[in-house]
Amino acid sequence: VALGILTRISGVVSEDSMRKAILDRVPKGTEEINMRAFDEGWKA
């Protein structure tokens, strides 16, 4: 969630790049919940 907020506010990395990096790094089977968390952070 914090990464979603940070990405939206700072623009230091692209949204697409952050999404790809999250999917590469989070434990397998948790991709969907982590994408929801990023989306909620982005909205915030």
ModelCIF file with pLDDT and N, C-alpha, C, O atoms, coordinates in Angstrom:
data_MODEL
#
_entry.id   MODEL 
#
_entity.id                         1 
_entity.type                       polymer 
_entity.pdbx_number_of_molecules   1 
#
_entity_poly.entity_id                      1 
_entity_poly.type                           'polypeptide(L)' 
_entity_poly.nstd_linkage                   no 
_entity_poly.nstd_monomer                   no 
_entity_poly.pdbx_seq_one_letter_code       VALGILTRISGVVSEDSMRKAILDRVPKGTEEINMRAFDEGWKA 
_entity_poly.pdbx_seq_one_letter_code_can   VALGILTRISGVVSEDSMRKAILDRVPKGTEEINMRAFDEGWKA 
_entity_poly.pdbx_strand_id                 A 
#
loop_
_entity_poly_seq.entity_id 
_entity_poly_seq.num 
_entity_poly_seq.mon_id 
_entity_poly_seq.hetero 
1 1  VAL n 
1 2  ALA n 
1 3  LEU n 
1 4  GLY n 
1 5  ILE n 
1 6  LEU n 
1 7  THR n 
1 8  ARG n 
1 9  ILE n 
1 10 SER n 
1 11 GLY n 
1 12 VAL n 
1 13 VAL n 
1 14 SER n 
1 15 GLU n 
1 16 ASP n 
1 17 SER n 
1 18 MET n 
1 19 ARG n 
1 20 LYS n 
1 21 ALA n 
1 22 ILE n 
1 23 LEU n 
1 24 ASP n 
1 25 ARG n 
1 26 VAL n 
1 27 PRO n 
1 28 LYS n 
1 29 GLY n 
1 30 THR n 
1 31 GLU n 
1 32 GLU n 
1 33 ILE n 
1 34 ASN n 
1 35 MET n 
1 36 ARG n 
1 37 ALA n 
1 38 PHE n 
1 39 ASP n 
1 40 GLU n 
1 41 GLY n 
1 42 TRP n 
1 43 LYS n 
1 44 ALA n 
#
_struct_asym.id          A 
_struct_asym.entity_id   1 
#
loop_
_ma_qa_metric.id 
_ma_qa_metric.mode 
_ma_qa_metric.name 
_ma_qa_metric.software_group_id 
_ma_qa_metric.type 
1 global pLDDT . pLDDT 
2 local  pLDDT . pLDDT 
#
_ma_qa_metric_global.metric_id      1 
_ma_qa_metric_global.metric_value   97.68 
_ma_qa_metric_global.model_id       1 
_ma_qa_metric_global.ordinal_id     1 
#
loop_
_ma_qa_metric_local.label_asym_id 
_ma_qa_metric_local.label_comp_id 
_ma_qa_metric_local.label_seq_id 
_ma_qa_metric_local.metric_id 
_ma_qa_metric_local.metric_value 
_ma_qa_metric_local.model_id 
_ma_qa_metric_local.ordinal_id 
A VAL 1  2 98.00 1 1  
A ALA 2  2 98.00 1 2  
A LEU 3  2 98.00 1 3  
A GLY 4  2 98.00 1 4  
A ILE 5  2 98.00 1 5  
A LEU 6  2 98.00 1 6  
A THR 7  2 98.00 1 7  
A ARG 8  2 98.00 1 8  
A ILE 9  2 98.00 1 9  
A SER 10 2 98.00 1 10 
A GLY 11 2 97.00 1 11 
A VAL 12 2 97.00 1 12 
A VAL 13 2 98.00 1 13 
A SER 14 2 98.00 1 14 
A GLU 15 2 98.00 1 15 
A ASP 16 2 98.00 1 16 
A SER 17 2 98.00 1 17 
A MET 18 2 98.00 1 18 
A ARG 19 2 98.00 1 19 
A LYS 20 2 98.00 1 20 
A ALA 21 2 98.00 1 21 
A ILE 22 2 98.00 1 22 
A LEU 23 2 98.00 1 23 
A ASP 24 2 97.00 1 24 
A ARG 25 2 96.00 1 25 
A VAL 26 2 96.00 1 26 
A PRO 27 2 95.00 1 27 
A LYS 28 2 96.00 1 28 
A GLY 29 2 97.00 1 29 
A THR 30 2 97.00 1 30 
A GLU 31 2 98.00 1 31 
A GLU 32 2 98.00 1 32 
A ILE 33 2 98.00 1 33 
A ASN 34 2 98.00 1 34 
A MET 35 2 98.00 1 35 
A ARG 36 2 98.00 1 36 
A ALA 37 2 98.00 1 37 
A PHE 38 2 98.00 1 38 
A ASP 39 2 98.00 1 39 
A GLU 40 2 98.00 1 40 
A GLY 41 2 98.00 1 41 
A TRP 42 2 98.00 1 42 
A LYS 43 2 98.00 1 43 
A ALA 44 2 98.00 1 44 
#
loop_
_atom_site.group_PDB 
_atom_site.id 
_atom_site.type_symbol 
_atom_site.label_atom_id 
_atom_site.label_alt_id 
_atom_site.label_comp_id 
_atom_site.label_asym_id 
_atom_site.label_entity_id 
_atom_site.label_seq_id 
_atom_site.pdbx_PDB_ins_code 
_atom_site.Cartn_x 
_atom_site.Cartn_y 
_atom_site.Cartn_z 
_atom_site.occupancy 
_atom_site.B_iso_or_equiv 
_atom_site.pdbx_formal_charge 
_atom_site.auth_seq_id 
_atom_site.auth_comp_id 
_atom_site.auth_asym_id 
_atom_site.auth_atom_id 
_atom_site.pdbx_PDB_model_num 
ATOM 1   N N  . VAL A 1 1  ? 0.858  -1.194  0.000   1.00 98.00 ? 1  VAL A N  1 
ATOM 2   C CA . VAL A 1 1  ? 0.000  0.000   0.000   1.00 98.00 ? 1  VAL A CA 1 
ATOM 3   C C  . VAL A 1 1  ? 0.890  1.238   0.000   1.00 98.00 ? 1  VAL A C  1 
ATOM 4   O O  . VAL A 1 1  ? 0.653  2.180   -0.756  1.00 98.00 ? 1  VAL A O  1 
ATOM 5   N N  . ALA A 1 2  ? 1.911  1.232   0.848   1.00 98.00 ? 2  ALA A N  1 
ATOM 6   C CA . ALA A 1 2  ? 2.843  2.361   0.929   1.00 98.00 ? 2  ALA A CA 1 
ATOM 7   C C  . ALA A 1 2  ? 3.544  2.594   -0.406  1.00 98.00 ? 2  ALA A C  1 
ATOM 8   O O  . ALA A 1 2  ? 3.729  3.741   -0.811  1.00 98.00 ? 2  ALA A O  1 
ATOM 9   N N  . LEU A 1 3  ? 3.936  1.524   -1.094  1.00 98.00 ? 3  LEU A N  1 
ATOM 10  C CA . LEU A 1 3  ? 4.571  1.677   -2.403  1.00 98.00 ? 3  LEU A CA 1 
ATOM 11  C C  . LEU A 1 3  ? 3.614  2.296   -3.420  1.00 98.00 ? 3  LEU A C  1 
ATOM 12  O O  . LEU A 1 3  ? 4.038  3.074   -4.274  1.00 98.00 ? 3  LEU A O  1 
ATOM 13  N N  . GLY A 1 4  ? 2.338  1.960   -3.335  1.00 98.00 ? 4  GLY A N  1 
ATOM 14  C CA . GLY A 1 4  ? 1.347  2.574   -4.220  1.00 98.00 ? 4  GLY A CA 1 
ATOM 15  C C  . GLY A 1 4  ? 1.264  4.079   -4.000  1.00 98.00 ? 4  GLY A C  1 
ATOM 16  O O  . GLY A 1 4  ? 1.242  4.857   -4.953  1.00 98.00 ? 4  GLY A O  1 
ATOM 17  N N  . ILE A 1 5  ? 1.218  4.479   -2.730  1.00 98.00 ? 5  ILE A N  1 
ATOM 18  C CA . ILE A 1 5  ? 1.172  5.905   -2.396  1.00 98.00 ? 5  ILE A CA 1 
ATOM 19  C C  . ILE A 1 5  ? 2.448  6.595   -2.853  1.00 98.00 ? 5  ILE A C  1 
ATOM 20  O O  . ILE A 1 5  ? 2.396  7.642   -3.498  1.00 98.00 ? 5  ILE A O  1 
ATOM 21  N N  . LEU A 1 6  ? 3.589  6.009   -2.519  1.00 98.00 ? 6  LEU A N  1 
ATOM 22  C CA . LEU A 1 6  ? 4.888  6.584   -2.870  1.00 98.00 ? 6  LEU A CA 1 
ATOM 23  C C  . LEU A 1 6  ? 5.029  6.741   -4.386  1.00 98.00 ? 6  LEU A C  1 
ATOM 24  O O  . LEU A 1 6  ? 5.498  7.775   -4.859  1.00 98.00 ? 6  LEU A O  1 
ATOM 25  N N  . THR A 1 7  ? 4.632  5.736   -5.137  1.00 98.00 ? 7  THR A N  1 
ATOM 26  C CA . THR A 1 7  ? 4.744  5.775   -6.596  1.00 98.00 ? 7  THR A CA 1 
ATOM 27  C C  . THR A 1 7  ? 3.866  6.879   -7.169  1.00 98.00 ? 7  THR A C  1 
ATOM 28  O O  . THR A 1 7  ? 4.298  7.633   -8.041  1.00 98.00 ? 7  THR A O  1 
ATOM 29  N N  . ARG A 1 8  ? 2.647  6.972   -6.683  1.00 98.00 ? 8  ARG A N  1 
ATOM 30  C CA . ARG A 1 8  ? 1.710  7.980   -7.197  1.00 98.00 ? 8  ARG A CA 1 
ATOM 31  C C  . ARG A 1 8  ? 2.173  9.391   -6.869  1.00 98.00 ? 8  ARG A C  1 
ATOM 32  O O  . ARG A 1 8  ? 2.116  10.275  -7.724  1.00 98.00 ? 8  ARG A O  1 
ATOM 33  N N  . ILE A 1 9  ? 2.629  9.610   -5.651  1.00 98.00 ? 9  ILE A N  1 
ATOM 34  C CA . ILE A 1 9  ? 3.003  10.953  -5.215  1.00 98.00 ? 9  ILE A CA 1 
ATOM 35  C C  . ILE A 1 9  ? 4.339  11.397  -5.806  1.00 98.00 ? 9  ILE A C  1 
ATOM 36  O O  . ILE A 1 9  ? 4.463  12.535  -6.261  1.00 98.00 ? 9  ILE A O  1 
ATOM 37  N N  . SER A 1 10 ? 5.327  10.526  -5.807  1.00 98.00 ? 10 SER A N  1 
ATOM 38  C CA . SER A 1 10 ? 6.671  10.938  -6.228  1.00 98.00 ? 10 SER A CA 1 
ATOM 39  C C  . SER A 1 10 ? 6.892  10.847  -7.734  1.00 98.00 ? 10 SER A C  1 
ATOM 40  O O  . SER A 1 10 ? 7.599  11.679  -8.302  1.00 98.00 ? 10 SER A O  1 
ATOM 41  N N  . GLY A 1 11 ? 6.304  9.859   -8.383  1.00 97.00 ? 11 GLY A N  1 
ATOM 42  C CA . GLY A 1 11 ? 6.566  9.632   -9.797  1.00 97.00 ? 11 GLY A CA 1 
ATOM 43  C C  . GLY A 1 11 ? 8.000  9.211   -10.087 1.00 97.00 ? 11 GLY A C  1 
ATOM 44  O O  . GLY A 1 11 ? 8.446  9.272   -11.233 1.00 97.00 ? 11 GLY A O  1 
ATOM 45  N N  . VAL A 1 12 ? 8.724  8.785   -9.052  1.00 97.00 ? 12 VAL A N  1 
ATOM 46  C CA . VAL A 1 12 ? 10.143 8.447   -9.221  1.00 97.00 ? 12 VAL A CA 1 
ATOM 47  C C  . VAL A 1 12 ? 10.342 7.192   -10.070 1.00 97.00 ? 12 VAL A C  1 
ATOM 48  O O  . VAL A 1 12 ? 11.372 7.036   -10.726 1.00 97.00 ? 12 VAL A O  1 
ATOM 49  N N  . VAL A 1 13 ? 9.360  6.307   -10.053 1.00 98.00 ? 13 VAL A N  1 
ATOM 50  C CA . VAL A 1 13 ? 9.345  5.150   -10.956 1.00 98.00 ? 13 VAL A CA 1 
ATOM 51  C C  . VAL A 1 13 ? 7.966  5.111   -11.605 1.00 98.00 ? 13 VAL A C  1 
ATOM 52  O O  . VAL A 1 13 ? 7.009  5.681   -11.081 1.00 98.00 ? 13 VAL A O  1 
ATOM 53  N N  . SER A 1 14 ? 7.872  4.444   -12.734 1.00 98.00 ? 14 SER A N  1 
ATOM 54  C CA . SER A 1 14 ? 6.585  4.370   -13.419 1.00 98.00 ? 14 SER A CA 1 
ATOM 55  C C  . SER A 1 14 ? 5.668  3.360   -12.728 1.00 98.00 ? 14 SER A C  1 
ATOM 56  O O  . SER A 1 14 ? 6.119  2.420   -12.073 1.00 98.00 ? 14 SER A O  1 
ATOM 57  N N  . GLU A 1 15 ? 4.386  3.586   -12.896 1.00 98.00 ? 15 GLU A N  1 
ATOM 58  C CA . GLU A 1 15 ? 3.396  2.673   -12.322 1.00 98.00 ? 15 GLU A CA 1 
ATOM 59  C C  . GLU A 1 15 ? 3.585  1.260   -12.887 1.00 98.00 ? 15 GLU A C  1 
ATOM 60  O O  . GLU A 1 15 ? 3.544  0.280   -12.144 1.00 98.00 ? 15 GLU A O  1 
ATOM 61  N N  . ASP A 1 16 ? 3.790  1.165   -14.191 1.00 98.00 ? 16 ASP A N  1 
ATOM 62  C CA . ASP A 1 16 ? 3.949  -0.132  -14.838 1.00 98.00 ? 16 ASP A CA 1 
ATOM 63  C C  . ASP A 1 16 ? 5.175  -0.881  -14.306 1.00 98.00 ? 16 ASP A C  1 
ATOM 64  O O  . ASP A 1 16 ? 5.115  -2.086  -14.060 1.00 98.00 ? 16 ASP A O  1 
ATOM 65  N N  . SER A 1 17 ? 6.276  -0.164  -14.133 1.00 98.00 ? 17 SER A N  1 
ATOM 66  C CA . SER A 1 17 ? 7.495  -0.782  -13.611 1.00 98.00 ? 17 SER A CA 1 
ATOM 67  C C  . SER A 1 17 ? 7.298  -1.291  -12.191 1.00 98.00 ? 17 SER A C  1 
ATOM 68  O O  . SER A 1 17 ? 7.765  -2.375  -11.841 1.00 98.00 ? 17 SER A O  1 
ATOM 69  N N  . MET A 1 18 ? 6.601  -0.503  -11.372 1.00 98.00 ? 18 MET A N  1 
ATOM 70  C CA . MET A 1 18 ? 6.348  -0.921  -9.993  1.00 98.00 ? 18 MET A CA 1 
ATOM 71  C C  . MET A 1 18 ? 5.488  -2.183  -9.964  1.00 98.00 ? 18 MET A C  1 
ATOM 72  O O  . MET A 1 18 ? 5.756  -3.107  -9.196  1.00 98.00 ? 18 MET A O  1 
ATOM 73  N N  . ARG A 1 19 ? 4.470  -2.216  -10.790 1.00 98.00 ? 19 ARG A N  1 
ATOM 74  C CA . ARG A 1 19 ? 3.608  -3.407  -10.848 1.00 98.00 ? 19 ARG A CA 1 
ATOM 75  C C  . ARG A 1 19 ? 4.410  -4.653  -11.226 1.00 98.00 ? 19 ARG A C  1 
ATOM 76  O O  . ARG A 1 19 ? 4.255  -5.707  -10.610 1.00 98.00 ? 19 ARG A O  1 
ATOM 77  N N  . LYS A 1 20 ? 5.256  -4.527  -12.229 1.00 98.00 ? 20 LYS A N  1 
ATOM 78  C CA . LYS A 1 20 ? 6.080  -5.670  -12.660 1.00 98.00 ? 20 LYS A CA 1 
ATOM 79  C C  . LYS A 1 20 ? 7.022  -6.116  -11.549 1.00 98.00 ? 20 LYS A C  1 
ATOM 80  O O  . LYS A 1 20 ? 7.180  -7.312  -11.303 1.00 98.00 ? 20 LYS A O  1 
ATOM 81  N N  . ALA A 1 21 ? 7.647  -5.151  -10.878 1.00 98.00 ? 21 ALA A N  1 
ATOM 82  C CA . ALA A 1 21 ? 8.590  -5.489  -9.807  1.00 98.00 ? 21 ALA A CA 1 
ATOM 83  C C  . ALA A 1 21 ? 7.877  -6.161  -8.635  1.00 98.00 ? 21 ALA A C  1 
ATOM 84  O O  . ALA A 1 21 ? 8.414  -7.091  -8.033  1.00 98.00 ? 21 ALA A O  1 
ATOM 85  N N  . ILE A 1 22 ? 6.682  -5.700  -8.310  1.00 98.00 ? 22 ILE A N  1 
ATOM 86  C CA . ILE A 1 22 ? 5.901  -6.326  -7.233  1.00 98.00 ? 22 ILE A CA 1 
ATOM 87  C C  . ILE A 1 22 ? 5.614  -7.774  -7.598  1.00 98.00 ? 22 ILE A C  1 
ATOM 88  O O  . ILE A 1 22 ? 5.842  -8.681  -6.797  1.00 98.00 ? 22 ILE A O  1 
ATOM 89  N N  . LEU A 1 23 ? 5.118  -7.987  -8.800  1.00 98.00 ? 23 LEU A N  1 
ATOM 90  C CA . LEU A 1 23 ? 4.784  -9.351  -9.227  1.00 98.00 ? 23 LEU A CA 1 
ATOM 91  C C  . LEU A 1 23 ? 6.000  -10.267 -9.235  1.00 98.00 ? 23 LEU A C  1 
ATOM 92  O O  . LEU A 1 23 ? 5.877  -11.462 -8.969  1.00 98.00 ? 23 LEU A O  1 
ATOM 93  N N  . ASP A 1 24 ? 7.179  -9.714  -9.541  1.00 97.00 ? 24 ASP A N  1 
ATOM 94  C CA . ASP A 1 24 ? 8.406  -10.515 -9.545  1.00 97.00 ? 24 ASP A CA 1 
ATOM 95  C C  . ASP A 1 24 ? 8.880  -10.876 -8.139  1.00 97.00 ? 24 ASP A C  1 
ATOM 96  O O  . ASP A 1 24 ? 9.494  -11.925 -7.945  1.00 97.00 ? 24 ASP A O  1 
ATOM 97  N N  . ARG A 1 25 ? 8.600  -10.021 -7.162  1.00 96.00 ? 25 ARG A N  1 
ATOM 98  C CA . ARG A 1 25 ? 9.200  -10.159 -5.829  1.00 96.00 ? 25 ARG A CA 1 
ATOM 99  C C  . ARG A 1 25 ? 8.303  -10.780 -4.766  1.00 96.00 ? 25 ARG A C  1 
ATOM 100 O O  . ARG A 1 25 ? 8.813  -11.421 -3.846  1.00 96.00 ? 25 ARG A O  1 
ATOM 101 N N  . VAL A 1 26 ? 6.987  -10.612 -4.859  1.00 96.00 ? 26 VAL A N  1 
ATOM 102 C CA . VAL A 1 26 ? 6.124  -11.127 -3.784  1.00 96.00 ? 26 VAL A CA 1 
ATOM 103 C C  . VAL A 1 26 ? 6.036  -12.649 -3.875  1.00 96.00 ? 26 VAL A C  1 
ATOM 104 O O  . VAL A 1 26 ? 6.210  -13.222 -4.951  1.00 96.00 ? 26 VAL A O  1 
ATOM 105 N N  . PRO A 1 27 ? 5.767  -13.299 -2.748  1.00 95.00 ? 27 PRO A N  1 
ATOM 106 C CA . PRO A 1 27 ? 5.660  -14.768 -2.763  1.00 95.00 ? 27 PRO A CA 1 
ATOM 107 C C  . PRO A 1 27 ? 4.584  -15.255 -3.742  1.00 95.00 ? 27 PRO A C  1 
ATOM 108 O O  . PRO A 1 27 ? 3.518  -14.651 -3.867  1.00 95.00 ? 27 PRO A O  1 
ATOM 109 N N  . LYS A 1 28 ? 4.881  -16.339 -4.419  1.00 96.00 ? 28 LYS A N  1 
ATOM 110 C CA . LYS A 1 28 ? 3.922  -16.920 -5.358  1.00 96.00 ? 28 LYS A CA 1 
ATOM 111 C C  . LYS A 1 28 ? 2.623  -17.235 -4.620  1.00 96.00 ? 28 LYS A C  1 
ATOM 112 O O  . LYS A 1 28 ? 2.630  -17.722 -3.489  1.00 96.00 ? 28 LYS A O  1 
ATOM 113 N N  . GLY A 1 29 ? 1.522  -16.946 -5.285  1.00 97.00 ? 29 GLY A N  1 
ATOM 114 C CA . GLY A 1 29 ? 0.205  -17.159 -4.689  1.00 97.00 ? 29 GLY A CA 1 
ATOM 115 C C  . GLY A 1 29 ? -0.350 -15.917 -4.002  1.00 97.00 ? 29 GLY A C  1 
ATOM 116 O O  . GLY A 1 29 ? -1.510 -15.899 -3.592  1.00 97.00 ? 29 GLY A O  1 
ATOM 117 N N  . THR A 1 30 ? 0.487  -14.865 -3.873  1.00 97.00 ? 30 THR A N  1 
ATOM 118 C CA . THR A 1 30 ? 0.015  -13.623 -3.220  1.00 97.00 ? 30 THR A CA 1 
ATOM 119 C C  . THR A 1 30 ? -0.071 -12.460 -4.211  1.00 97.00 ? 30 THR A C  1 
ATOM 120 O O  . THR A 1 30 ? -0.282 -11.315 -3.810  1.00 97.00 ? 30 THR A O  1 
ATOM 121 N N  . GLU A 1 31 ? 0.087  -12.749 -5.480  1.00 98.00 ? 31 GLU A N  1 
ATOM 122 C CA . GLU A 1 31 ? 0.118  -11.685 -6.481  1.00 98.00 ? 31 GLU A CA 1 
ATOM 123 C C  . GLU A 1 31 ? -1.168 -10.856 -6.484  1.00 98.00 ? 31 GLU A C  1 
ATOM 124 O O  . GLU A 1 31 ? -1.109 -9.627  -6.541  1.00 98.00 ? 31 GLU A O  1 
ATOM 125 N N  . GLU A 1 32 ? -2.314 -11.507 -6.423  1.00 98.00 ? 32 GLU A N  1 
ATOM 126 C CA . GLU A 1 32 ? -3.594 -10.784 -6.509  1.00 98.00 ? 32 GLU A CA 1 
ATOM 127 C C  . GLU A 1 32 ? -3.789 -9.834  -5.333  1.00 98.00 ? 32 GLU A C  1 
ATOM 128 O O  . GLU A 1 32 ? -4.166 -8.680  -5.533  1.00 98.00 ? 32 GLU A O  1 
ATOM 129 N N  . ILE A 1 33 ? -3.542 -10.290 -4.130  1.00 98.00 ? 33 ILE A N  1 
ATOM 130 C CA . ILE A 1 33 ? -3.732 -9.434  -2.959  1.00 98.00 ? 33 ILE A CA 1 
ATOM 131 C C  . ILE A 1 33 ? -2.727 -8.270  -2.963  1.00 98.00 ? 33 ILE A C  1 
ATOM 132 O O  . ILE A 1 33 ? -3.050 -7.159  -2.544  1.00 98.00 ? 33 ILE A O  1 
ATOM 133 N N  . ASN A 1 34 ? -1.519 -8.541  -3.437  1.00 98.00 ? 34 ASN A N  1 
ATOM 134 C CA . ASN A 1 34 ? -0.524 -7.473  -3.515  1.00 98.00 ? 34 ASN A CA 1 
ATOM 135 C C  . ASN A 1 34 ? -0.885 -6.444  -4.581  1.00 98.00 ? 34 ASN A C  1 
ATOM 136 O O  . ASN A 1 34 ? -0.636 -5.255  -4.384  1.00 98.00 ? 34 ASN A O  1 
ATOM 137 N N  . MET A 1 35 ? -1.452 -6.859  -5.681  1.00 98.00 ? 35 MET A N  1 
ATOM 138 C CA . MET A 1 35 ? -1.907 -5.897  -6.704  1.00 98.00 ? 35 MET A CA 1 
ATOM 139 C C  . MET A 1 35 ? -3.081 -5.066  -6.175  1.00 98.00 ? 35 MET A C  1 
ATOM 140 O O  . MET A 1 35 ? -3.177 -3.874  -6.464  1.00 98.00 ? 35 MET A O  1 
ATOM 141 N N  . ARG A 1 36 ? -3.967 -5.692  -5.406  1.00 98.00 ? 36 ARG A N  1 
ATOM 142 C CA . ARG A 1 36 ? -5.062 -4.929  -4.785  1.00 98.00 ? 36 ARG A CA 1 
ATOM 143 C C  . ARG A 1 36 ? -4.500 -3.902  -3.814  1.00 98.00 ? 36 ARG A C  1 
ATOM 144 O O  . ARG A 1 36 ? -4.978 -2.769  -3.754  1.00 98.00 ? 36 ARG A O  1 
ATOM 145 N N  . ALA A 1 37 ? -3.472 -4.305  -3.045  1.00 98.00 ? 37 ALA A N  1 
ATOM 146 C CA . ALA A 1 37 ? -2.846 -3.384  -2.091  1.00 98.00 ? 37 ALA A CA 1 
ATOM 147 C C  . ALA A 1 37 ? -2.212 -2.212  -2.826  1.00 98.00 ? 37 ALA A C  1 
ATOM 148 O O  . ALA A 1 37 ? -2.358 -1.066  -2.401  1.00 98.00 ? 37 ALA A O  1 
ATOM 149 N N  . PHE A 1 38 ? -1.508 -2.482  -3.927  1.00 98.00 ? 38 PHE A N  1 
ATOM 150 C CA . PHE A 1 38 ? -0.903 -1.410  -4.707  1.00 98.00 ? 38 PHE A CA 1 
ATOM 151 C C  . PHE A 1 38 ? -1.980 -0.471  -5.247  1.00 98.00 ? 38 PHE A C  1 
ATOM 152 O O  . PHE A 1 38 ? -1.828 0.749   -5.191  1.00 98.00 ? 38 PHE A O  1 
ATOM 153 N N  . ASP A 1 39 ? -3.064 -1.040  -5.770  1.00 98.00 ? 39 ASP A N  1 
ATOM 154 C CA . ASP A 1 39 ? -4.165 -0.220  -6.299  1.00 98.00 ? 39 ASP A CA 1 
ATOM 155 C C  . ASP A 1 39 ? -4.770 0.676   -5.226  1.00 98.00 ? 39 ASP A C  1 
ATOM 156 O O  . ASP A 1 39 ? -5.065 1.843   -5.485  1.00 98.00 ? 39 ASP A O  1 
ATOM 157 N N  . GLU A 1 40 ? -4.956 0.138   -4.024  1.00 98.00 ? 40 GLU A N  1 
ATOM 158 C CA . GLU A 1 40 ? -5.513 0.950   -2.930  1.00 98.00 ? 40 GLU A CA 1 
ATOM 159 C C  . GLU A 1 40 ? -4.540 2.063   -2.533  1.00 98.00 ? 40 GLU A C  1 
ATOM 160 O O  . GLU A 1 40 ? -4.963 3.177   -2.224  1.00 98.00 ? 40 GLU A O  1 
ATOM 161 N N  . GLY A 1 41 ? -3.242 1.763   -2.542  1.00 98.00 ? 41 GLY A N  1 
ATOM 162 C CA . GLY A 1 41 ? -2.245 2.797   -2.272  1.00 98.00 ? 41 GLY A CA 1 
ATOM 163 C C  . GLY A 1 41 ? -2.252 3.875   -3.340  1.00 98.00 ? 41 GLY A C  1 
ATOM 164 O O  . GLY A 1 41 ? -2.169 5.064   -3.035  1.00 98.00 ? 41 GLY A O  1 
ATOM 165 N N  . TRP A 1 42 ? -2.350 3.457   -4.578  1.00 98.00 ? 42 TRP A N  1 
ATOM 166 C CA . TRP A 1 42 ? -2.397 4.407   -5.701  1.00 98.00 ? 42 TRP A CA 1 
ATOM 167 C C  . TRP A 1 42 ? -3.598 5.351   -5.533  1.00 98.00 ? 42 TRP A C  1 
ATOM 168 O O  . TRP A 1 42 ? -3.468 6.565   -5.693  1.00 98.00 ? 42 TRP A O  1 
ATOM 169 N N  . LYS A 1 43 ? -4.776 4.776   -5.206  1.00 98.00 ? 43 LYS A N  1 
ATOM 170 C CA . LYS A 1 43 ? -5.987 5.593   -4.995  1.00 98.00 ? 43 LYS A CA 1 
ATOM 171 C C  . LYS A 1 43 ? -5.785 6.568   -3.843  1.00 98.00 ? 43 LYS A C  1 
ATOM 172 O O  . LYS A 1 43 ? -6.183 7.729   -3.936  1.00 98.00 ? 43 LYS A O  1 
ATOM 173 N N  . ALA A 1 44 ? -5.168 6.105   -2.756  1.00 98.00 ? 44 ALA A N  1 
ATOM 174 C CA . ALA A 1 44 ? -4.902 6.991   -1.616  1.00 98.00 ? 44 ALA A CA 1 
ATOM 175 C C  . ALA A 1 44 ? -3.952 8.108   -2.014  1.00 98.00 ? 44 ALA A C  1 
ATOM 176 O O  . ALA A 1 44 ? -3.611 8.953   -1.187  1.00 98.00 ? 44 ALA A O  1 
#
